[in-house]
Amino acid sequence: MPWELQEHAGRHYAVLFHYALPDDAWAVELSEAVPASAKGAENPDATETYGPGAAFLVALVPDEDPNLQPAIRVYSPDERVVPYEIMRWFMEQVADQVERCRIGFEQEEPEAVD
């Protein structure tokens, strides 16, 4: 599962992309990044020092039904402050995923017969 990292004010955040089969949708998850495991840090080929943590925002982007709209789920038992720049970055990632799925819908539609 690919992910992207972003640092803001000394904190690290991660956006993770994966397919959520029960929802028939792509999930784009925002989390605070956690330090890579010590085992990973011992690997000289390891390039990532942080990885995704537990998601607190998840955007679900449907790719099976073009009539379904993307939705955001909030998973956070505690109050959480998300910096504006991080929220913008996350929503840009979501918008990109929505665009990819919509292009996929357009490519799958049969062409009209004259």
PDB file of N, CA and C in Angstrom:
ATOM      1  N   MET A   1       0.846  -1.176   0.000  1.00  0.00           N
ATOM      2  CA  MET A   1       0.000   0.000   0.000  1.00  0.00           C
ATOM      3  C   MET A   1       0.892   1.241   0.000  1.00  0.00           C
ATOM      4  N   PRO A   2       0.762   2.064  -1.007  1.00  0.00           N
ATOM      5  CA  PRO A   2       1.602   3.266  -1.061  1.00  0.00           C
ATOM      6  C   PRO A   2       1.143   4.330  -0.072  1.00  0.00           C
ATOM      7  N   TRP A   3       2.092   5.134   0.347  1.00  0.00           N
ATOM      8  CA  TRP A   3       1.758   6.259   1.203  1.00  0.00           C
ATOM      9  C   TRP A   3       2.693   7.411   0.899  1.00  0.00           C
ATOM     10  N   GLU A   4       2.270   8.603   1.359  1.00  0.00           N
ATOM     11  CA  GLU A   4       3.066   9.808   1.223  1.00  0.00           C
ATOM     12  C   GLU A   4       3.201  10.434   2.598  1.00  0.00           C
ATOM     13  N   LEU A   5       4.325  11.092   2.811  1.00  0.00           N
ATOM     14  CA  LEU A   5       4.600  11.728   4.098  1.00  0.00           C
ATOM     15  C   LEU A   5       4.706  13.235   3.931  1.00  0.00           C
ATOM     16  N   GLN A   6       4.343  13.949   4.989  1.00  0.00           N
ATOM     17  CA  GLN A   6       4.445  15.408   5.015  1.00  0.00           C
ATOM     18  C   GLN A   6       4.796  15.820   6.433  1.00  0.00           C
ATOM     19  N   GLU A   7       5.693  16.792   6.559  1.00  0.00           N
ATOM     20  CA  GLU A   7       6.050  17.320   7.876  1.00  0.00           C
ATOM     21  C   GLU A   7       5.473  18.716   8.007  1.00  0.00           C
ATOM     22  N   HIS A   8       4.962  19.023   9.193  1.00  0.00           N
ATOM     23  CA  HIS A   8       4.436  20.359   9.466  1.00  0.00           C
ATOM     24  C   HIS A   8       4.690  20.689  10.931  1.00  0.00           C
ATOM     25  N   ALA A   9       5.410  21.770  11.166  1.00  0.00           N
ATOM     26  CA  ALA A   9       5.691  22.249  12.527  1.00  0.00           C
ATOM     27  C   ALA A   9       6.284  21.145  13.405  1.00  0.00           C
ATOM     28  N   GLY A  10       7.188  20.354  12.828  1.00  0.00           N
ATOM     29  CA  GLY A  10       7.871  19.315  13.593  1.00  0.00           C
ATOM     30  C   GLY A  10       7.094  18.019  13.763  1.00  0.00           C
ATOM     31  N   ARG A  11       5.885  17.944  13.236  1.00  0.00           N
ATOM     32  CA  ARG A  11       5.087  16.714  13.302  1.00  0.00           C
ATOM     33  C   ARG A  11       5.019  16.107  11.915  1.00  0.00           C
ATOM     34  N   HIS A  12       4.924  14.802  11.876  1.00  0.00           N
ATOM     35  CA  HIS A  12       4.865  14.084  10.603  1.00  0.00           C
ATOM     36  C   HIS A  12       3.477  13.496  10.414  1.00  0.00           C
ATOM     37  N   TYR A  13       2.994  13.592   9.182  1.00  0.00           N
ATOM     38  CA  TYR A  13       1.685  13.075   8.824  1.00  0.00           C
ATOM     39  C   TYR A  13       1.842  12.153   7.623  1.00  0.00           C
ATOM     40  N   ALA A  14       0.921  11.216   7.486  1.00  0.00           N
ATOM     41  CA  ALA A  14       0.973  10.272   6.374  1.00  0.00           C
ATOM     42  C   ALA A  14      -0.398  10.182   5.720  1.00  0.00           C
ATOM     43  N   VAL A  15      -0.386  10.022   4.404  1.00  0.00           N
ATOM     44  CA  VAL A  15      -1.593   9.699   3.654  1.00  0.00           C
ATOM     45  C   VAL A  15      -1.341   8.337   3.031  1.00  0.00           C
ATOM     46  N   LEU A  16      -2.209   7.404   3.348  1.00  0.00           N
ATOM     47  CA  LEU A  16      -2.108   6.017   2.878  1.00  0.00           C
ATOM     48  C   LEU A  16      -3.249   5.746   1.902  1.00  0.00           C
ATOM     49  N   PHE A  17      -2.946   5.060   0.814  1.00  0.00           N
ATOM     50  CA  PHE A  17      -3.941   4.708  -0.206  1.00  0.00           C
ATOM     51  C   PHE A  17      -4.113   3.191  -0.218  1.00  0.00           C
ATOM     52  N   HIS A  18      -5.348   2.717  -0.159  1.00  0.00           N
ATOM     53  CA  HIS A  18      -5.613   1.289  -0.311  1.00  0.00           C
ATOM     54  C   HIS A  18      -7.058   1.088  -0.750  1.00  0.00           C
ATOM     55  N   TYR A  19      -7.339  -0.109  -1.234  1.00  0.00           N
ATOM     56  CA  TYR A  19      -8.696  -0.410  -1.666  1.00  0.00           C
ATOM     57  C   TYR A  19      -9.468  -1.011  -0.501  1.00  0.00           C
ATOM     58  N   ALA A  20     -10.625  -0.436  -0.198  1.00  0.00           N
ATOM     59  CA  ALA A  20     -11.495  -0.923   0.879  1.00  0.00           C
ATOM     60  C   ALA A  20     -12.582  -1.784   0.240  1.00  0.00           C
ATOM     61  N   LEU A  21     -12.333  -3.074   0.168  1.00  0.00           N
ATOM     62  CA  LEU A  21     -13.230  -3.995  -0.519  1.00  0.00           C
ATOM     63  C   LEU A  21     -14.664  -3.949   0.002  1.00  0.00           C
ATOM     64  N   PRO A  22     -14.900  -3.927   1.327  1.00  0.00           N
ATOM     65  CA  PRO A  22     -16.300  -3.903   1.792  1.00  0.00           C
ATOM     66  C   PRO A  22     -17.073  -2.663   1.318  1.00  0.00           C
ATOM     67  N   ASP A  23     -16.358  -1.565   1.077  1.00  0.00           N
ATOM     68  CA  ASP A  23     -17.008  -0.331   0.635  1.00  0.00           C
ATOM     69  C   ASP A  23     -16.988  -0.157  -0.880  1.00  0.00           C
ATOM     70  N   ASP A  24     -16.325  -1.075  -1.604  1.00  0.00           N
ATOM     71  CA  ASP A  24     -16.130  -0.922  -3.047  1.00  0.00           C
ATOM     72  C   ASP A  24     -15.635   0.479  -3.364  1.00  0.00           C
ATOM     73  N   ALA A  25     -14.589   0.876  -2.645  1.00  0.00           N
ATOM     74  CA  ALA A  25     -14.074   2.232  -2.796  1.00  0.00           C
ATOM     75  C   ALA A  25     -12.591   2.275  -2.454  1.00  0.00           C
ATOM     76  N   TRP A  26     -11.928   3.280  -3.005  1.00  0.00           N
ATOM     77  CA  TRP A  26     -10.556   3.557  -2.608  1.00  0.00           C
ATOM     78  C   TRP A  26     -10.592   4.339  -1.312  1.00  0.00           C
ATOM     79  N   ALA A  27      -9.733   3.965  -0.389  1.00  0.00           N
ATOM     80  CA  ALA A  27      -9.626   4.670   0.883  1.00  0.00           C
ATOM     81  C   ALA A  27      -8.348   5.496   0.856  1.00  0.00           C
ATOM     82  N   VAL A  28      -8.498   6.760   1.218  1.00  0.00           N
ATOM     83  CA  VAL A  28      -7.367   7.666   1.356  1.00  0.00           C
ATOM     84  C   VAL A  28      -7.362   8.055   2.834  1.00  0.00           C
ATOM     85  N   GLU A  29      -6.361   7.585   3.579  1.00  0.00           N
ATOM     86  CA  GLU A  29      -6.344   7.744   5.038  1.00  0.00           C
ATOM     87  C   GLU A  29      -5.313   8.775   5.473  1.00  0.00           C
ATOM     88  N   LEU A  30      -5.703   9.650   6.393  1.00  0.00           N
ATOM     89  CA  LEU A  30      -4.782  10.604   6.999  1.00  0.00           C
ATOM     90  C   LEU A  30      -4.490  10.155   8.426  1.00  0.00           C
ATOM     91  N   SER A  31      -3.199  10.130   8.766  1.00  0.00           N
ATOM     92  CA  SER A  31      -2.791   9.753  10.120  1.00  0.00           C
ATOM     93  C   SER A  31      -1.563  10.557  10.513  1.00  0.00           C
ATOM     94  N   GLU A  32      -1.283  10.563  11.809  1.00  0.00           N
ATOM     95  CA  GLU A  32       0.017  11.054  12.237  1.00  0.00           C
ATOM     96  C   GLU A  32       0.987   9.930  11.945  1.00  0.00           C
ATOM     97  N   ALA A  33       2.095  10.274  11.323  1.00  0.00           N
ATOM     98  CA  ALA A  33       3.089   9.262  10.990  1.00  0.00           C
ATOM     99  C   ALA A  33       3.798   8.812  12.257  1.00  0.00           C
ATOM    100  N   VAL A  34       4.207   7.560  12.260  1.00  0.00           N
ATOM    101  CA  VAL A  34       4.927   6.994  13.396  1.00  0.00           C
ATOM    102  C   VAL A  34       6.333   6.616  12.932  1.00  0.00           C
ATOM    103  N   PRO A  35       7.299   6.661  13.841  1.00  0.00           N
ATOM    104  CA  PRO A  35       8.658   6.276  13.443  1.00  0.00           C
ATOM    105  C   PRO A  35       8.692   4.845  12.918  1.00  0.00           C
ATOM    106  N   ALA A  36       9.540   4.643  11.919  1.00  0.00           N
ATOM    107  CA  ALA A  36       9.707   3.302  11.361  1.00  0.00           C
ATOM    108  C   ALA A  36      10.243   2.386  12.450  1.00  0.00           C
ATOM    109  N   SER A  37       9.948   1.124  12.325  1.00  0.00           N
ATOM    110  CA  SER A  37      10.408   0.165  13.328  1.00  0.00           C
ATOM    111  C   SER A  37      11.924   0.124  13.371  1.00  0.00           C
ATOM    112  N   ALA A  38      12.450  -0.287  14.490  1.00  0.00           N
ATOM    113  CA  ALA A  38      13.904  -0.401  14.642  1.00  0.00           C
ATOM    114  C   ALA A  38      14.459  -1.380  13.626  1.00  0.00           C
ATOM    115  N   LYS A  39      13.699  -2.425  13.330  1.00  0.00           N
ATOM    116  CA  LYS A  39      14.151  -3.409  12.353  1.00  0.00           C
ATOM    117  C   LYS A  39      14.303  -2.755  10.983  1.00  0.00           C
ATOM    118  N   GLY A  40      13.320  -1.922  10.620  1.00  0.00           N
ATOM    119  CA  GLY A  40      13.401  -1.212   9.352  1.00  0.00           C
ATOM    120  C   GLY A  40      14.553  -0.223   9.343  1.00  0.00           C
ATOM    121  N   ALA A  41      14.817   0.411  10.488  1.00  0.00           N
ATOM    122  CA  ALA A  41      15.907   1.382  10.563  1.00  0.00           C
ATOM    123  C   ALA A  41      17.263   0.700  10.425  1.00  0.00           C
ATOM    124  N   GLU A  42      17.344  -0.585  10.807  1.00  0.00           N
ATOM    125  CA  GLU A  42      18.601  -1.324  10.687  1.00  0.00           C
ATOM    126  C   GLU A  42      18.894  -1.707   9.244  1.00  0.00           C
ATOM    127  N   ASN A  43      17.863  -1.696   8.398  1.00  0.00           N
ATOM    128  CA  ASN A  43      18.029  -2.073   7.005  1.00  0.00           C
ATOM    129  C   ASN A  43      18.678  -0.908   6.258  1.00  0.00           C
ATOM    130  N   PRO A  44      19.872  -1.078   5.713  1.00  0.00           N
ATOM    131  CA  PRO A  44      20.537   0.029   5.030  1.00  0.00           C
ATOM    132  C   PRO A  44      19.819   0.476   3.768  1.00  0.00           C
ATOM    133  N   ASP A  45      18.932  -0.362   3.230  1.00  0.00           N
ATOM    134  CA  ASP A  45      18.181   0.002   2.032  1.00  0.00           C
ATOM    135  C   ASP A  45      16.892   0.761   2.363  1.00  0.00           C
ATOM    136  N   ALA A  46      16.536   0.823   3.643  1.00  0.00           N
ATOM    137  CA  ALA A  46      15.300   1.495   4.043  1.00  0.00           C
ATOM    138  C   ALA A  46      15.469   2.999   3.852  1.00  0.00           C
ATOM    139  N   THR A  47      14.499   3.607   3.175  1.00  0.00           N
ATOM    140  CA  THR A  47      14.561   5.042   2.928  1.00  0.00           C
ATOM    141  C   THR A  47      13.567   5.814   3.788  1.00  0.00           C
ATOM    142  N   GLU A  48      12.554   5.155   4.291  1.00  0.00           N
ATOM    143  CA  GLU A  48      11.530   5.825   5.083  1.00  0.00           C
ATOM    144  C   GLU A  48      11.866   5.737   6.570  1.00  0.00           C
ATOM    145  N   THR A  49      11.826   6.878   7.241  1.00  0.00           N
ATOM    146  CA  THR A  49      12.028   6.881   8.685  1.00  0.00           C
ATOM    147  C   THR A  49      10.699   6.944   9.422  1.00  0.00           C
ATOM    148  N   TYR A  50       9.616   7.234   8.680  1.00  0.00           N
ATOM    149  CA  TYR A  50       8.266   7.268   9.248  1.00  0.00           C
ATOM    150  C   TYR A  50       7.335   6.492   8.346  1.00  0.00           C
ATOM    151  N   GLY A  51       6.254   6.027   8.947  1.00  0.00           N
ATOM    152  CA  GLY A  51       5.222   5.332   8.193  1.00  0.00           C
ATOM    153  C   GLY A  51       3.856   5.723   8.720  1.00  0.00           C
ATOM    154  N   PRO A  52       2.793   5.293   8.066  1.00  0.00           N
ATOM    155  CA  PRO A  52       1.443   5.645   8.513  1.00  0.00           C
ATOM    156  C   PRO A  52       1.134   5.092   9.899  1.00  0.00           C
ATOM    157  N   GLY A  53       0.396   5.875  10.663  1.00  0.00           N
ATOM    158  CA  GLY A  53      -0.100   5.435  11.969  1.00  0.00           C
ATOM    159  C   GLY A  53      -1.576   5.087  11.840  1.00  0.00           C
ATOM    160  N   ALA A  54      -2.274   5.148  12.953  1.00  0.00           N
ATOM    161  CA  ALA A  54      -3.718   4.873  12.951  1.00  0.00           C
ATOM    162  C   ALA A  54      -4.453   6.045  12.298  1.00  0.00           C
ATOM    163  N   ALA A  55      -5.287   5.738  11.321  1.00  0.00           N
ATOM    164  CA  ALA A  55      -6.004   6.776  10.577  1.00  0.00           C
ATOM    165  C   ALA A  55      -7.015   7.484  11.462  1.00  0.00           C
ATOM    166  N   PHE A  56      -7.107   8.808  11.281  1.00  0.00           N
ATOM    167  CA  PHE A  56      -8.162   9.553  11.978  1.00  0.00           C
ATOM    168  C   PHE A  56      -9.120  10.224  10.995  1.00  0.00           C
ATOM    169  N   LEU A  57      -8.748  10.318   9.727  1.00  0.00           N
ATOM    170  CA  LEU A  57      -9.657  10.746   8.666  1.00  0.00           C
ATOM    171  C   LEU A  57      -9.520   9.758   7.512  1.00  0.00           C
ATOM    172  N   VAL A  58     -10.639   9.315   6.971  1.00  0.00           N
ATOM    173  CA  VAL A  58     -10.611   8.398   5.833  1.00  0.00           C
ATOM    174  C   VAL A  58     -11.604   8.902   4.795  1.00  0.00           C
ATOM    175  N   ALA A  59     -11.097   9.153   3.593  1.00  0.00           N
ATOM    176  CA  ALA A  59     -11.969   9.492   2.474  1.00  0.00           C
ATOM    177  C   ALA A  59     -12.222   8.216   1.696  1.00  0.00           C
ATOM    178  N   LEU A  60     -13.482   7.923   1.446  1.00  0.00           N
ATOM    179  CA  LEU A  60     -13.859   6.760   0.638  1.00  0.00           C
ATOM    180  C   LEU A  60     -14.303   7.266  -0.728  1.00  0.00           C
ATOM    181  N   VAL A  61     -13.609   6.789  -1.753  1.00  0.00           N
ATOM    182  CA  VAL A  61     -13.857   7.230  -3.123  1.00  0.00           C
ATOM    183  C   VAL A  61     -14.371   6.030  -3.914  1.00  0.00           C
ATOM    184  N   PRO A  62     -15.692   5.957  -4.153  1.00  0.00           N
ATOM    185  CA  PRO A  62     -16.265   4.816  -4.865  1.00  0.00           C
ATOM    186  C   PRO A  62     -15.717   4.696  -6.286  1.00  0.00           C
ATOM    187  N   ASP A  63     -15.478   3.476  -6.707  1.00  0.00           N
ATOM    188  CA  ASP A  63     -15.015   3.267  -8.081  1.00  0.00           C
ATOM    189  C   ASP A  63     -15.864   2.236  -8.821  1.00  0.00           C
ATOM    190  N   GLU A  64     -16.931   1.766  -8.198  1.00  0.00           N
ATOM    191  CA  GLU A  64     -17.796   0.771  -8.841  1.00  0.00           C
ATOM    192  C   GLU A  64     -19.095   1.390  -9.347  1.00  0.00           C
ATOM    193  N   ASP A  65     -19.588   2.413  -8.673  1.00  0.00           N
ATOM    194  CA  ASP A  65     -20.866   3.023  -9.016  1.00  0.00           C
ATOM    195  C   ASP A  65     -20.674   4.524  -9.192  1.00  0.00           C
ATOM    196  N   PRO A  66     -20.798   5.038 -10.419  1.00  0.00           N
ATOM    197  CA  PRO A  66     -20.566   6.467 -10.647  1.00  0.00           C
ATOM    198  C   PRO A  66     -21.598   7.371  -9.974  1.00  0.00           C
ATOM    199  N   ASN A  67     -22.702   6.800  -9.492  1.00  0.00           N
ATOM    200  CA  ASN A  67     -23.718   7.606  -8.815  1.00  0.00           C
ATOM    201  C   ASN A  67     -23.393   7.846  -7.345  1.00  0.00           C
ATOM    202  N   LEU A  68     -22.465   7.078  -6.786  1.00  0.00           N
ATOM    203  CA  LEU A  68     -22.087   7.270  -5.392  1.00  0.00           C
ATOM    204  C   LEU A  68     -21.071   8.391  -5.277  1.00  0.00           C
ATOM    205  N   GLN A  69     -21.195   9.180  -4.224  1.00  0.00           N
ATOM    206  CA  GLN A  69     -20.299  10.306  -4.010  1.00  0.00           C
ATOM    207  C   GLN A  69     -19.229   9.954  -2.975  1.00  0.00           C
ATOM    208  N   PRO A  70     -18.054  10.554  -3.087  1.00  0.00           N
ATOM    209  CA  PRO A  70     -17.026  10.344  -2.063  1.00  0.00           C
ATOM    210  C   PRO A  70     -17.534  10.837  -0.708  1.00  0.00           C
ATOM    211  N   ALA A  71     -17.007  10.247   0.348  1.00  0.00           N
ATOM    212  CA  ALA A  71     -17.406  10.626   1.706  1.00  0.00           C
ATOM    213  C   ALA A  71     -16.186  10.598   2.605  1.00  0.00           C
ATOM    214  N   ILE A  72     -16.246  11.370   3.689  1.00  0.00           N
ATOM    215  CA  ILE A  72     -15.165  11.419   4.673  1.00  0.00           C
ATOM    216  C   ILE A  72     -15.683  10.815   5.972  1.00  0.00           C
ATOM    217  N   ARG A  73     -14.901   9.890   6.519  1.00  0.00           N
ATOM    218  CA  ARG A  73     -15.208   9.319   7.840  1.00  0.00           C
ATOM    219  C   ARG A  73     -14.180   9.846   8.835  1.00  0.00           C
ATOM    220  N   VAL A  74     -14.647  10.160  10.026  1.00  0.00           N
ATOM    221  CA  VAL A  74     -13.770  10.659  11.081  1.00  0.00           C
ATOM    222  C   VAL A  74     -13.633   9.567  12.131  1.00  0.00           C
ATOM    223  N   TYR A  75     -12.386   9.164  12.398  1.00  0.00           N
ATOM    224  CA  TYR A  75     -12.093   8.154  13.414  1.00  0.00           C
ATOM    225  C   TYR A  75     -11.189   8.782  14.457  1.00  0.00           C
ATOM    226  N   SER A  76     -11.760   9.311  15.510  1.00  0.00           N
ATOM    227  CA  SER A  76     -10.928   9.921  16.532  1.00  0.00           C
ATOM    228  C   SER A  76     -11.712  10.024  17.835  1.00  0.00           C
ATOM    229  N   PRO A  77     -11.378   9.192  18.805  1.00  0.00           N
ATOM    230  CA  PRO A  77     -12.088   9.282  20.080  1.00  0.00           C
ATOM    231  C   PRO A  77     -11.718  10.554  20.844  1.00  0.00           C
ATOM    232  N   ASP A  78     -10.566  11.120  20.542  1.00  0.00           N
ATOM    233  CA  ASP A  78     -10.118  12.339  21.202  1.00  0.00           C
ATOM    234  C   ASP A  78     -10.224  13.512  20.241  1.00  0.00           C
ATOM    235  N   GLU A  79     -10.328  14.704  20.822  1.00  0.00           N
ATOM    236  CA  GLU A  79     -10.294  15.894  19.979  1.00  0.00           C
ATOM    237  C   GLU A  79      -8.926  15.971  19.323  1.00  0.00           C
ATOM    238  N   ARG A  80      -8.903  16.295  18.065  1.00  0.00           N
ATOM    239  CA  ARG A  80      -7.645  16.345  17.322  1.00  0.00           C
ATOM    240  C   ARG A  80      -7.615  17.635  16.516  1.00  0.00           C
ATOM    241  N   VAL A  81      -6.470  18.276  16.494  1.00  0.00           N
ATOM    242  CA  VAL A  81      -6.279  19.473  15.698  1.00  0.00           C
ATOM    243  C   VAL A  81      -5.459  19.086  14.471  1.00  0.00           C
ATOM    244  N   VAL A  82      -5.999  19.390  13.300  1.00  0.00           N
ATOM    245  CA  VAL A  82      -5.297  19.116  12.053  1.00  0.00           C
ATOM    246  C   VAL A  82      -4.915  20.468  11.457  1.00  0.00           C
ATOM    247  N   PRO A  83      -3.624  20.725  11.288  1.00  0.00           N
ATOM    248  CA  PRO A  83      -3.216  22.009  10.711  1.00  0.00           C
ATOM    249  C   PRO A  83      -3.828  22.202   9.320  1.00  0.00           C
ATOM    250  N   TYR A  84      -4.137  23.436   9.010  1.00  0.00           N
ATOM    251  CA  TYR A  84      -4.765  23.779   7.744  1.00  0.00           C
ATOM    252  C   TYR A  84      -3.971  23.246   6.552  1.00  0.00           C
ATOM    253  N   GLU A  85      -2.663  23.439   6.539  1.00  0.00           N
ATOM    254  CA  GLU A  85      -1.837  22.987   5.411  1.00  0.00           C
ATOM    255  C   GLU A  85      -1.904  21.466   5.247  1.00  0.00           C
ATOM    256  N   ILE A  86      -1.976  20.740   6.348  1.00  0.00           N
ATOM    257  CA  ILE A  86      -2.088  19.275   6.271  1.00  0.00           C
ATOM    258  C   ILE A  86      -3.457  18.884   5.731  1.00  0.00           C
ATOM    259  N   MET A  87      -4.506  19.578   6.178  1.00  0.00           N
ATOM    260  CA  MET A  87      -5.847  19.277   5.667  1.00  0.00           C
ATOM    261  C   MET A  87      -5.927  19.582   4.175  1.00  0.00           C
ATOM    262  N   ARG A  88      -5.329  20.666   3.736  1.00  0.00           N
ATOM    263  CA  ARG A  88      -5.304  20.984   2.293  1.00  0.00           C
ATOM    264  C   ARG A  88      -4.572  19.891   1.520  1.00  0.00           C
ATOM    265  N   TRP A  89      -3.423  19.466   2.044  1.00  0.00           N
ATOM    266  CA  TRP A  89      -2.635  18.411   1.394  1.00  0.00           C
ATOM    267  C   TRP A  89      -3.463  17.122   1.285  1.00  0.00           C
ATOM    268  N   PHE A  90      -4.123  16.757   2.387  1.00  0.00           N
ATOM    269  CA  PHE A  90      -4.962  15.555   2.389  1.00  0.00           C
ATOM    270  C   PHE A  90      -6.082  15.678   1.354  1.00  0.00           C
ATOM    271  N   MET A  91      -6.773  16.806   1.342  1.00  0.00           N
ATOM    272  CA  MET A  91      -7.887  16.978   0.411  1.00  0.00           C
ATOM    273  C   MET A  91      -7.412  17.025  -1.044  1.00  0.00           C
ATOM    274  N   GLU A  92      -6.199  17.506  -1.291  1.00  0.00           N
ATOM    275  CA  GLU A  92      -5.640  17.437  -2.642  1.00  0.00           C
ATOM    276  C   GLU A  92      -5.425  15.984  -3.058  1.00  0.00           C
ATOM    277  N   GLN A  93      -4.959  15.160  -2.119  1.00  0.00           N
ATOM    278  CA  GLN A  93      -4.777  13.735  -2.408  1.00  0.00           C
ATOM    279  C   GLN A  93      -6.125  13.080  -2.697  1.00  0.00           C
ATOM    280  N   VAL A  94      -7.151  13.445  -1.928  1.00  0.00           N
ATOM    281  CA  VAL A  94      -8.499  12.907  -2.142  1.00  0.00           C
ATOM    282  C   VAL A  94      -9.017  13.357  -3.510  1.00  0.00           C
ATOM    283  N   ALA A  95      -8.858  14.642  -3.828  1.00  0.00           N
ATOM    284  CA  ALA A  95      -9.335  15.159  -5.112  1.00  0.00           C
ATOM    285  C   ALA A  95      -8.655  14.439  -6.277  1.00  0.00           C
ATOM    286  N   ASP A  96      -7.363  14.162  -6.147  1.00  0.00           N
ATOM    287  CA  ASP A  96      -6.657  13.421  -7.195  1.00  0.00           C
ATOM    288  C   ASP A  96      -7.236  12.014  -7.366  1.00  0.00           C
ATOM    289  N   GLN A  97      -7.555  11.356  -6.246  1.00  0.00           N
ATOM    290  CA  GLN A  97      -8.123  10.007  -6.319  1.00  0.00           C
ATOM    291  C   GLN A  97      -9.516  10.042  -6.942  1.00  0.00           C
ATOM    292  N   VAL A  98     -10.319  11.046  -6.587  1.00  0.00           N
ATOM    293  CA  VAL A  98     -11.648  11.201  -7.188  1.00  0.00           C
ATOM    294  C   VAL A  98     -11.506  11.371  -8.695  1.00  0.00           C
ATOM    295  N   GLU A  99     -10.572  12.201  -9.119  1.00  0.00           N
ATOM    296  CA  GLU A  99     -10.357  12.422 -10.552  1.00  0.00           C
ATOM    297  C   GLU A  99      -9.964  11.127 -11.262  1.00  0.00           C
ATOM    298  N   ARG A 100      -9.056  10.346 -10.660  1.00  0.00           N
ATOM    299  CA  ARG A 100      -8.654   9.073 -11.269  1.00  0.00           C
ATOM    300  C   ARG A 100      -9.854   8.133 -11.415  1.00  0.00           C
ATOM    301  N   CYS A 101     -10.705   8.071 -10.389  1.00  0.00           N
ATOM    302  CA  CYS A 101     -11.869   7.183 -10.459  1.00  0.00           C
ATOM    303  C   CYS A 101     -12.869   7.670 -11.495  1.00  0.00           C
ATOM    304  N   ARG A 102     -13.061   8.968 -11.591  1.00  0.00           N
ATOM    305  CA  ARG A 102     -14.004   9.496 -12.582  1.00  0.00           C
ATOM    306  C   ARG A 102     -13.504   9.260 -14.000  1.00  0.00           C
ATOM    307  N   ILE A 103     -12.211   9.383 -14.210  1.00  0.00           N
ATOM    308  CA  ILE A 103     -11.651   9.063 -15.522  1.00  0.00           C
ATOM    309  C   ILE A 103     -11.896   7.593 -15.829  1.00  0.00           C
ATOM    310  N   GLY A 104     -11.737   6.738 -14.818  1.00  0.00           N
ATOM    311  CA  GLY A 104     -12.005   5.307 -14.995  1.00  0.00           C
ATOM    312  C   GLY A 104     -13.451   5.043 -15.370  1.00  0.00           C
ATOM    313  N   PHE A 105     -14.395   5.778 -14.740  1.00  0.00           N
ATOM    314  CA  PHE A 105     -15.816   5.620 -15.090  1.00  0.00           C
ATOM    315  C   PHE A 105     -16.042   5.990 -16.547  1.00  0.00           C
ATOM    316  N   GLU A 106     -15.444   7.103 -16.982  1.00  0.00           N
ATOM    317  CA  GLU A 106     -15.629   7.572 -18.355  1.00  0.00           C
ATOM    318  C   GLU A 106     -15.064   6.569 -19.363  1.00  0.00           C
ATOM    319  N   GLN A 107     -13.948   5.952 -19.029  1.00  0.00           N
ATOM    320  CA  GLN A 107     -13.336   4.994 -19.942  1.00  0.00           C
ATOM    321  C   GLN A 107     -14.133   3.699 -20.036  1.00  0.00           C
ATOM    322  N   GLU A 108     -14.891   3.377 -18.989  1.00  0.00           N
ATOM    323  CA  GLU A 108     -15.673   2.152 -18.978  1.00  0.00           C
ATOM    324  C   GLU A 108     -17.026   2.291 -19.648  1.00  0.00           C
ATOM    325  N   GLU A 109     -17.533   3.539 -19.808  1.00  0.00           N
ATOM    326  CA  GLU A 109     -18.844   3.745 -20.406  1.00  0.00           C
ATOM    327  C   GLU A 109     -18.817   3.332 -21.872  1.00  0.00           C
ATOM    328  N   PRO A 110     -19.804   2.558 -22.303  1.00  0.00           N
ATOM    329  CA  PRO A 110     -19.853   2.186 -23.727  1.00  0.00           C
ATOM    330  C   PRO A 110     -20.179   3.428 -24.557  1.00  0.00           C
ATOM    331  N   GLU A 111     -19.582   3.496 -25.729  1.00  0.00           N
ATOM    332  CA  GLU A 111     -19.831   4.644 -26.605  1.00  0.00           C
ATOM    333  C   GLU A 111     -21.214   4.528 -27.211  1.00  0.00           C
ATOM    334  N   ALA A 112     -21.834   5.681 -27.409  1.00  0.00           N
ATOM    335  CA  ALA A 112     -23.182   5.719 -27.995  1.00  0.00           C
ATOM    336  C   ALA A 112     -23.126   5.243 -29.445  1.00  0.00           C
ATOM    337  N   VAL A 113     -24.133   4.475 -29.828  1.00  0.00           N
ATOM    338  CA  VAL A 113     -24.223   3.990 -31.192  1.00  0.00           C
ATOM    339  C   VAL A 113     -25.160   4.910 -31.965  1.00  0.00           C
ATOM    340  N   ASP A 114     -24.704   5.414 -33.108  1.00  0.00           N
ATOM    341  CA  ASP A 114     -25.538   6.317 -33.929  1.00  0.00           C
ATOM    342  C   ASP A 114     -26.441   5.541 -34.844  1.00  0.00           C
TER     343      ASP A 114
END
